[in-house]
Amino acid sequence: MWQFLRRPQPPEFVRTYSAGSWPPPDTPWREVPYVVLDVETSGLNARRDALLAIGLVEINAGRVCLDRTWYSLVRPPDGLLVAANSIRIHGLLRSELAEAPPITDVLPLLLERLRGRVLVVHVASIDIDFINKALRPYGGRLCGPIIDTARIALTMHYNARMIGEANHDETEPAIQLRTLATSYGLPVYGQHNALNDALTTAQLLLAQISRLEQRHPIDLKRLLRHGGI
């Protein structure tokens, strides 16, 4: 007689995260709790590369909360040697990564901080792929609204060009984090550090919202229309 195999139930930290409630779309943007995420990895291919560091910054009541940051290194899986050219970019040495907590210890802490908050990432597809890859063995994946500040920049550029406010000869705007932050007159912290880049992204989001507010009241729905993924 055939027996149907049941998929193992996700661990409690995944179930708790997935059961969280996120703000409704008509929530004014200042009332939305955000968490800004950035990661450092051994490369850009989520299939063969690994997470090495995660940084988070919260935005509450429209303010970046420097007392609500979180940062963790992540030990690479056994057999993965972080290449020298990767180390030159992010500066994470093999010796310090060998002493870092494994992903099994980091994921519960990460999801606890993401639960119920709108996730904000710059060029989100890369970071999201790596986090989802890490969650897959536990039956989890990121859920809830996700906002990409690079996508907001693209939307704002093309909207402005449609009404004649941008240079029609420019086919693609620059979306590098440093370039965008500088264009808004924002400070840029040491790059390729997960916490520094999360902080720069948090400030960029608020600057983008400030510009969007000049035309329309901004709620979560409108933000997602500009930069949701």
C-alpha atoms as a PDB file:
ATOM      1  CA  MET A   1       0.000   0.000   0.000  1.00  0.00           C
ATOM      2  CA  TRP A   2       1.408   3.364  -1.010  1.00  0.00           C
ATOM      3  CA  GLN A   3       2.314   5.733   1.779  1.00  0.00           C
ATOM      4  CA  PHE A   4       2.478   9.413   1.047  1.00  0.00           C
ATOM      5  CA  LEU A   5       5.514  11.134   2.486  1.00  0.00           C
ATOM      6  CA  ARG A   6       4.805  14.327   4.355  1.00  0.00           C
ATOM      7  CA  ARG A   7       7.144  17.242   3.970  1.00  0.00           C
ATOM      8  CA  PRO A   8       8.828  17.951   7.320  1.00  0.00           C
ATOM      9  CA  GLN A   9       7.280  20.876   9.171  1.00  0.00           C
ATOM     10  CA  PRO A  10       9.462  24.019   9.084  1.00  0.00           C
ATOM     11  CA  PRO A  11      11.240  24.836  12.345  1.00  0.00           C
ATOM     12  CA  GLU A  12       9.583  27.179  14.807  1.00  0.00           C
ATOM     13  CA  PHE A  13      11.615  30.242  13.823  1.00  0.00           C
ATOM     14  CA  VAL A  14      10.415  29.900  10.209  1.00  0.00           C
ATOM     15  CA  ARG A  15       6.789  29.316  11.239  1.00  0.00           C
ATOM     16  CA  THR A  16       6.846  32.316  13.586  1.00  0.00           C
ATOM     17  CA  TYR A  17       8.240  34.568  10.860  1.00  0.00           C
ATOM     18  CA  SER A  18       5.807  33.339   8.199  1.00  0.00           C
ATOM     19  CA  ALA A  19       2.849  33.884  10.559  1.00  0.00           C
ATOM     20  CA  GLY A  20       3.720  37.543  11.056  1.00  0.00           C
ATOM     21  CA  SER A  21       1.375  40.293   9.914  1.00  0.00           C
ATOM     22  CA  TRP A  22       2.573  43.102   7.676  1.00  0.00           C
ATOM     23  CA  PRO A  23       1.094  46.602   7.401  1.00  0.00           C
ATOM     24  CA  PRO A  24      -1.824  47.028   4.978  1.00  0.00           C
ATOM     25  CA  PRO A  25      -1.184  48.836   1.670  1.00  0.00           C
ATOM     26  CA  ASP A  26      -3.006  52.039   2.684  1.00  0.00           C
ATOM     27  CA  THR A  27      -0.693  52.627   5.675  1.00  0.00           C
ATOM     28  CA  PRO A  28       0.941  56.093   5.469  1.00  0.00           C
ATOM     29  CA  TRP A  29       4.626  55.626   4.845  1.00  0.00           C
ATOM     30  CA  ARG A  30       5.728  57.125   8.179  1.00  0.00           C
ATOM     31  CA  GLU A  31       3.644  54.556  10.056  1.00  0.00           C
ATOM     32  CA  VAL A  32       5.244  51.628   8.249  1.00  0.00           C
ATOM     33  CA  PRO A  33       8.010  49.764  10.112  1.00  0.00           C
ATOM     34  CA  TYR A  34      10.903  49.056   7.730  1.00  0.00           C
ATOM     35  CA  VAL A  35      14.058  47.016   7.979  1.00  0.00           C
ATOM     36  CA  VAL A  36      16.848  47.714   5.501  1.00  0.00           C
ATOM     37  CA  LEU A  37      19.041  44.761   4.575  1.00  0.00           C
ATOM     38  CA  ASP A  38      22.383  44.342   2.881  1.00  0.00           C
ATOM     39  CA  VAL A  39      24.570  41.267   2.515  1.00  0.00           C
ATOM     40  CA  GLU A  40      28.130  40.439   1.568  1.00  0.00           C
ATOM     41  CA  THR A  41      28.751  37.211  -0.293  1.00  0.00           C
ATOM     42  CA  SER A  42      31.592  35.148  -1.722  1.00  0.00           C
ATOM     43  CA  GLY A  43      30.343  35.953  -5.232  1.00  0.00           C
ATOM     44  CA  LEU A  44      27.221  36.930  -7.145  1.00  0.00           C
ATOM     45  CA  ASN A  45      25.907  33.470  -8.036  1.00  0.00           C
ATOM     46  CA  ALA A  46      23.546  32.271  -5.315  1.00  0.00           C
ATOM     47  CA  ARG A  47      23.794  28.677  -6.571  1.00  0.00           C
ATOM     48  CA  ARG A  48      27.499  28.302  -5.920  1.00  0.00           C
ATOM     49  CA  ASP A  49      28.400  31.222  -3.621  1.00  0.00           C
ATOM     50  CA  ALA A  50      27.534  31.804   0.041  1.00  0.00           C
ATOM     51  CA  LEU A  51      26.467  34.497   2.472  1.00  0.00           C
ATOM     52  CA  LEU A  52      29.357  35.965   4.448  1.00  0.00           C
ATOM     53  CA  ALA A  53      27.783  38.905   6.301  1.00  0.00           C
ATOM     54  CA  ILE A  54      24.359  40.455   6.913  1.00  0.00           C
ATOM     55  CA  GLY A  55      23.578  43.992   8.059  1.00  0.00           C
ATOM     56  CA  LEU A  56      20.214  45.441   9.111  1.00  0.00           C
ATOM     57  CA  VAL A  57      19.011  48.960   9.925  1.00  0.00           C
ATOM     58  CA  GLU A  58      15.488  49.758  11.126  1.00  0.00           C
ATOM     59  CA  ILE A  59      13.412  52.758  10.080  1.00  0.00           C
ATOM     60  CA  ASN A  60      10.655  53.679  12.550  1.00  0.00           C
ATOM     61  CA  ALA A  61       8.286  56.663  12.346  1.00  0.00           C
ATOM     62  CA  GLY A  62      10.180  57.915   9.295  1.00  0.00           C
ATOM     63  CA  ARG A  63      13.576  57.969  11.042  1.00  0.00           C
ATOM     64  CA  VAL A  64      16.683  55.841  10.668  1.00  0.00           C
ATOM     65  CA  CYS A  65      17.253  54.221  14.058  1.00  0.00           C
ATOM     66  CA  LEU A  66      20.968  53.904  14.678  1.00  0.00           C
ATOM     67  CA  ASP A  67      20.230  52.180  17.970  1.00  0.00           C
ATOM     68  CA  ARG A  68      18.311  49.469  16.084  1.00  0.00           C
ATOM     69  CA  THR A  69      21.037  48.011  13.880  1.00  0.00           C
ATOM     70  CA  TRP A  70      22.243  44.423  13.622  1.00  0.00           C
ATOM     71  CA  TYR A  71      25.266  42.853  11.981  1.00  0.00           C
ATOM     72  CA  SER A  72      26.549  39.316  11.778  1.00  0.00           C
ATOM     73  CA  LEU A  73      29.252  37.467   9.932  1.00  0.00           C
ATOM     74  CA  VAL A  74      28.295  34.053   8.553  1.00  0.00           C
ATOM     75  CA  ARG A  75      30.649  31.091   8.426  1.00  0.00           C
ATOM     76  CA  PRO A  76      30.969  29.737   4.869  1.00  0.00           C
ATOM     77  CA  PRO A  77      29.924  26.122   4.349  1.00  0.00           C
ATOM     78  CA  ASP A  78      32.600  23.456   4.585  1.00  0.00           C
ATOM     79  CA  GLY A  79      34.544  23.141   1.367  1.00  0.00           C
ATOM     80  CA  LEU A  80      33.926  26.684   0.156  1.00  0.00           C
ATOM     81  CA  LEU A  81      37.106  28.722  -0.070  1.00  0.00           C
ATOM     82  CA  VAL A  82      36.488  32.453  -0.286  1.00  0.00           C
ATOM     83  CA  ALA A  83      38.471  33.649  -3.294  1.00  0.00           C
ATOM     84  CA  ALA A  84      41.155  36.318  -2.967  1.00  0.00           C
ATOM     85  CA  ASN A  85      39.394  38.669  -5.401  1.00  0.00           C
ATOM     86  CA  SER A  86      36.257  38.463  -3.236  1.00  0.00           C
ATOM     87  CA  ILE A  87      38.281  39.288  -0.111  1.00  0.00           C
ATOM     88  CA  ARG A  88      39.715  42.354  -1.855  1.00  0.00           C
ATOM     89  CA  ILE A  89      36.171  43.676  -2.343  1.00  0.00           C
ATOM     90  CA  HIS A  90      34.594  43.118   1.080  1.00  0.00           C
ATOM     91  CA  GLY A  91      37.713  42.768   3.255  1.00  0.00           C
ATOM     92  CA  LEU A  92      36.381  39.721   5.141  1.00  0.00           C
ATOM     93  CA  LEU A  93      39.313  37.476   5.908  1.00  0.00           C
ATOM     94  CA  ARG A  94      39.094  33.693   5.845  1.00  0.00           C
ATOM     95  CA  SER A  95      40.359  33.533   9.432  1.00  0.00           C
ATOM     96  CA  GLU A  96      37.555  35.724  10.836  1.00  0.00           C
ATOM     97  CA  LEU A  97      34.923  33.958   8.747  1.00  0.00           C
ATOM     98  CA  ALA A  98      36.107  30.616  10.124  1.00  0.00           C
ATOM     99  CA  GLU A  99      35.209  31.891  13.618  1.00  0.00           C
ATOM    100  CA  ALA A 100      31.801  33.279  12.540  1.00  0.00           C
ATOM    101  CA  PRO A 101      28.514  31.618  13.550  1.00  0.00           C
ATOM    102  CA  PRO A 102      27.075  29.123  11.054  1.00  0.00           C
ATOM    103  CA  ILE A 103      23.997  30.011   9.025  1.00  0.00           C
ATOM    104  CA  THR A 104      21.892  27.741  11.264  1.00  0.00           C
ATOM    105  CA  ASP A 105      22.566  30.122  14.172  1.00  0.00           C
ATOM    106  CA  VAL A 106      22.181  33.312  12.131  1.00  0.00           C
ATOM    107  CA  LEU A 107      18.850  32.624  10.402  1.00  0.00           C
ATOM    108  CA  PRO A 108      16.658  32.614  13.557  1.00  0.00           C
ATOM    109  CA  LEU A 109      18.152  35.954  14.622  1.00  0.00           C
ATOM    110  CA  LEU A 110      17.631  37.367  11.139  1.00  0.00           C
ATOM    111  CA  LEU A 111      13.993  36.313  10.765  1.00  0.00           C
ATOM    112  CA  GLU A 112      13.166  37.617  14.235  1.00  0.00           C
ATOM    113  CA  ARG A 113      14.238  41.073  13.064  1.00  0.00           C
ATOM    114  CA  LEU A 114      12.465  40.854   9.700  1.00  0.00           C
ATOM    115  CA  ARG A 115       9.089  39.695  10.988  1.00  0.00           C
ATOM    116  CA  GLY A 116       6.268  42.165  10.374  1.00  0.00           C
ATOM    117  CA  ARG A 117       8.541  44.762   8.764  1.00  0.00           C
ATOM    118  CA  VAL A 118       8.646  45.933   5.173  1.00  0.00           C
ATOM    119  CA  LEU A 119      11.985  44.832   3.777  1.00  0.00           C
ATOM    120  CA  VAL A 120      14.094  47.404   1.912  1.00  0.00           C
ATOM    121  CA  VAL A 121      17.065  46.385  -0.244  1.00  0.00           C
ATOM    122  CA  HIS A 122      19.142  48.057  -2.953  1.00  0.00           C
ATOM    123  CA  VAL A 123      19.224  45.898  -6.115  1.00  0.00           C
ATOM    124  CA  ALA A 124      17.140  43.419  -4.180  1.00  0.00           C
ATOM    125  CA  SER A 125      17.297  40.384  -6.461  1.00  0.00           C
ATOM    126  CA  ILE A 126      20.825  39.410  -5.400  1.00  0.00           C
ATOM    127  CA  ASP A 127      20.311  39.734  -1.645  1.00  0.00           C
ATOM    128  CA  ILE A 128      16.891  38.066  -1.762  1.00  0.00           C
ATOM    129  CA  ASP A 129      18.238  35.110  -3.763  1.00  0.00           C
ATOM    130  CA  PHE A 130      20.960  34.477  -1.192  1.00  0.00           C
ATOM    131  CA  ILE A 131      18.626  34.733   1.797  1.00  0.00           C
ATOM    132  CA  ASN A 132      16.037  32.470   0.160  1.00  0.00           C
ATOM    133  CA  LYS A 133      18.743  29.947  -0.711  1.00  0.00           C
ATOM    134  CA  ALA A 134      19.776  29.845   2.960  1.00  0.00           C
ATOM    135  CA  LEU A 135      16.133  29.431   4.062  1.00  0.00           C
ATOM    136  CA  ARG A 136      15.218  26.751   1.524  1.00  0.00           C
ATOM    137  CA  PRO A 137      16.515  23.757   3.538  1.00  0.00           C
ATOM    138  CA  TYR A 138      14.219  24.866   6.382  1.00  0.00           C
ATOM    139  CA  GLY A 139      11.130  25.178   4.210  1.00  0.00           C
ATOM    140  CA  GLY A 140      11.148  28.966   4.390  1.00  0.00           C
ATOM    141  CA  ARG A 141      11.474  31.977   2.140  1.00  0.00           C
ATOM    142  CA  LEU A 142      11.149  35.717   2.551  1.00  0.00           C
ATOM    143  CA  CYS A 143       7.577  36.970   2.525  1.00  0.00           C
ATOM    144  CA  GLY A 144       5.822  40.259   3.036  1.00  0.00           C
ATOM    145  CA  PRO A 145       6.381  43.482   1.042  1.00  0.00           C
ATOM    146  CA  ILE A 146       9.848  44.123  -0.388  1.00  0.00           C
ATOM    147  CA  ILE A 147      10.982  47.522  -1.702  1.00  0.00           C
ATOM    148  CA  ASP A 148      13.998  47.978  -3.961  1.00  0.00           C
ATOM    149  CA  THR A 149      15.533  51.459  -3.817  1.00  0.00           C
ATOM    150  CA  ALA A 150      17.246  50.872  -7.177  1.00  0.00           C
ATOM    151  CA  ARG A 151      13.832  50.167  -8.714  1.00  0.00           C
ATOM    152  CA  ILE A 152      12.426  53.351  -7.137  1.00  0.00           C
ATOM    153  CA  ALA A 153      15.265  55.278  -8.783  1.00  0.00           C
ATOM    154  CA  LEU A 154      14.459  53.761 -12.184  1.00  0.00           C
ATOM    155  CA  THR A 155      10.732  54.460 -11.825  1.00  0.00           C
ATOM    156  CA  MET A 156      11.328  58.053 -10.780  1.00  0.00           C
ATOM    157  CA  HIS A 157      13.694  58.580 -13.690  1.00  0.00           C
ATOM    158  CA  TYR A 158      11.335  57.232 -16.336  1.00  0.00           C
ATOM    159  CA  ASN A 159       8.327  59.017 -14.862  1.00  0.00           C
ATOM    160  CA  ALA A 160      10.237  62.308 -14.932  1.00  0.00           C
ATOM    161  CA  ARG A 161      11.391  61.682 -18.487  1.00  0.00           C
ATOM    162  CA  MET A 162       7.809  61.063 -19.619  1.00  0.00           C
ATOM    163  CA  ILE A 163       6.765  64.524 -18.464  1.00  0.00           C
ATOM    164  CA  GLY A 164       9.866  66.223 -19.825  1.00  0.00           C
ATOM    165  CA  GLU A 165      11.843  66.684 -16.623  1.00  0.00           C
ATOM    166  CA  ALA A 166      14.755  64.435 -17.549  1.00  0.00           C
ATOM    167  CA  ASN A 167      17.312  64.298 -20.342  1.00  0.00           C
ATOM    168  CA  HIS A 168      15.689  62.332 -23.168  1.00  0.00           C
ATOM    169  CA  ASP A 169      19.109  61.274 -24.452  1.00  0.00           C
ATOM    170  CA  GLU A 170      19.827  59.333 -21.273  1.00  0.00           C
ATOM    171  CA  THR A 171      18.656  55.760 -21.814  1.00  0.00           C
ATOM    172  CA  GLU A 172      19.570  54.272 -18.442  1.00  0.00           C
ATOM    173  CA  PRO A 173      20.083  56.165 -15.176  1.00  0.00           C
ATOM    174  CA  ALA A 174      22.898  55.243 -12.830  1.00  0.00           C
ATOM    175  CA  ILE A 175      21.586  53.037 -10.021  1.00  0.00           C
ATOM    176  CA  GLN A 176      24.797  52.323  -8.102  1.00  0.00           C
ATOM    177  CA  LEU A 177      24.205  52.935  -4.410  1.00  0.00           C
ATOM    178  CA  ARG A 178      27.078  55.389  -4.016  1.00  0.00           C
ATOM    179  CA  THR A 179      26.073  57.343  -7.126  1.00  0.00           C
ATOM    180  CA  LEU A 180      22.450  57.648  -6.045  1.00  0.00           C
ATOM    181  CA  ALA A 181      23.323  58.629  -2.486  1.00  0.00           C
ATOM    182  CA  THR A 182      25.742  61.277  -3.721  1.00  0.00           C
ATOM    183  CA  SER A 183      23.112  62.672  -6.102  1.00  0.00           C
ATOM    184  CA  TYR A 184      20.878  63.345  -3.067  1.00  0.00           C
ATOM    185  CA  GLY A 185      23.725  64.923  -1.105  1.00  0.00           C
ATOM    186  CA  LEU A 186      23.825  62.005   1.329  1.00  0.00           C
ATOM    187  CA  PRO A 187      26.915  60.751   3.141  1.00  0.00           C
ATOM    188  CA  VAL A 188      28.331  57.484   1.822  1.00  0.00           C
ATOM    189  CA  TYR A 189      29.856  55.174   4.392  1.00  0.00           C
ATOM    190  CA  GLY A 190      32.557  52.577   3.761  1.00  0.00           C
ATOM    191  CA  GLN A 191      31.326  50.482   0.857  1.00  0.00           C
ATOM    192  CA  HIS A 192      31.066  46.687   0.739  1.00  0.00           C
ATOM    193  CA  ASN A 193      30.341  46.485   4.434  1.00  0.00           C
ATOM    194  CA  ALA A 194      26.854  45.066   4.971  1.00  0.00           C
ATOM    195  CA  LEU A 195      25.921  47.406   7.812  1.00  0.00           C
ATOM    196  CA  ASN A 196      27.359  50.514   6.160  1.00  0.00           C
ATOM    197  CA  ASP A 197      25.559  49.799   2.901  1.00  0.00           C
ATOM    198  CA  ALA A 198      22.289  49.108   4.755  1.00  0.00           C
ATOM    199  CA  LEU A 199      22.628  52.512   6.435  1.00  0.00           C
ATOM    200  CA  THR A 200      23.300  54.260   3.117  1.00  0.00           C
ATOM    201  CA  THR A 201      20.272  52.486   1.609  1.00  0.00           C
ATOM    202  CA  ALA A 202      18.069  53.543   4.539  1.00  0.00           C
ATOM    203  CA  GLN A 203      19.009  57.184   4.046  1.00  0.00           C
ATOM    204  CA  LEU A 204      18.493  56.876   0.301  1.00  0.00           C
ATOM    205  CA  LEU A 205      14.959  55.523   0.812  1.00  0.00           C
ATOM    206  CA  LEU A 206      13.991  58.493   2.980  1.00  0.00           C
ATOM    207  CA  ALA A 207      15.451  60.921   0.439  1.00  0.00           C
ATOM    208  CA  GLN A 208      13.503  59.244  -2.361  1.00  0.00           C
ATOM    209  CA  ILE A 209      10.271  59.382  -0.369  1.00  0.00           C
ATOM    210  CA  SER A 210      10.849  63.046   0.393  1.00  0.00           C
ATOM    211  CA  ARG A 211      11.072  63.758  -3.333  1.00  0.00           C
ATOM    212  CA  LEU A 212       8.030  61.620  -4.139  1.00  0.00           C
ATOM    213  CA  GLU A 213       6.012  63.449  -1.472  1.00  0.00           C
ATOM    214  CA  GLN A 214       6.400  66.664  -3.442  1.00  0.00           C
ATOM    215  CA  ARG A 215       3.821  65.277  -5.896  1.00  0.00           C
ATOM    216  CA  HIS A 216       1.576  62.902  -3.934  1.00  0.00           C
ATOM    217  CA  PRO A 217       0.914  61.708  -0.398  1.00  0.00           C
ATOM    218  CA  ILE A 218       2.891  58.485  -0.006  1.00  0.00           C
ATOM    219  CA  ASP A 219       1.528  55.298   1.475  1.00  0.00           C
ATOM    220  CA  LEU A 220       2.862  51.755   1.301  1.00  0.00           C
ATOM    221  CA  LYS A 221       0.859  50.981  -1.823  1.00  0.00           C
ATOM    222  CA  ARG A 222       2.379  53.888  -3.735  1.00  0.00           C
ATOM    223  CA  LEU A 223       5.859  52.956  -2.545  1.00  0.00           C
ATOM    224  CA  LEU A 224       5.352  49.399  -3.768  1.00  0.00           C
ATOM    225  CA  ARG A 225       4.099  50.755  -7.077  1.00  0.00           C
ATOM    226  CA  HIS A 226       7.387  52.602  -7.480  1.00  0.00           C
ATOM    227  CA  GLY A 227       9.781  49.998  -6.117  1.00  0.00           C
ATOM    228  CA  GLY A 228       8.065  46.808  -5.048  1.00  0.00           C
ATOM    229  CA  ILE A 229       9.308  43.421  -6.190  1.00  0.00           C
END
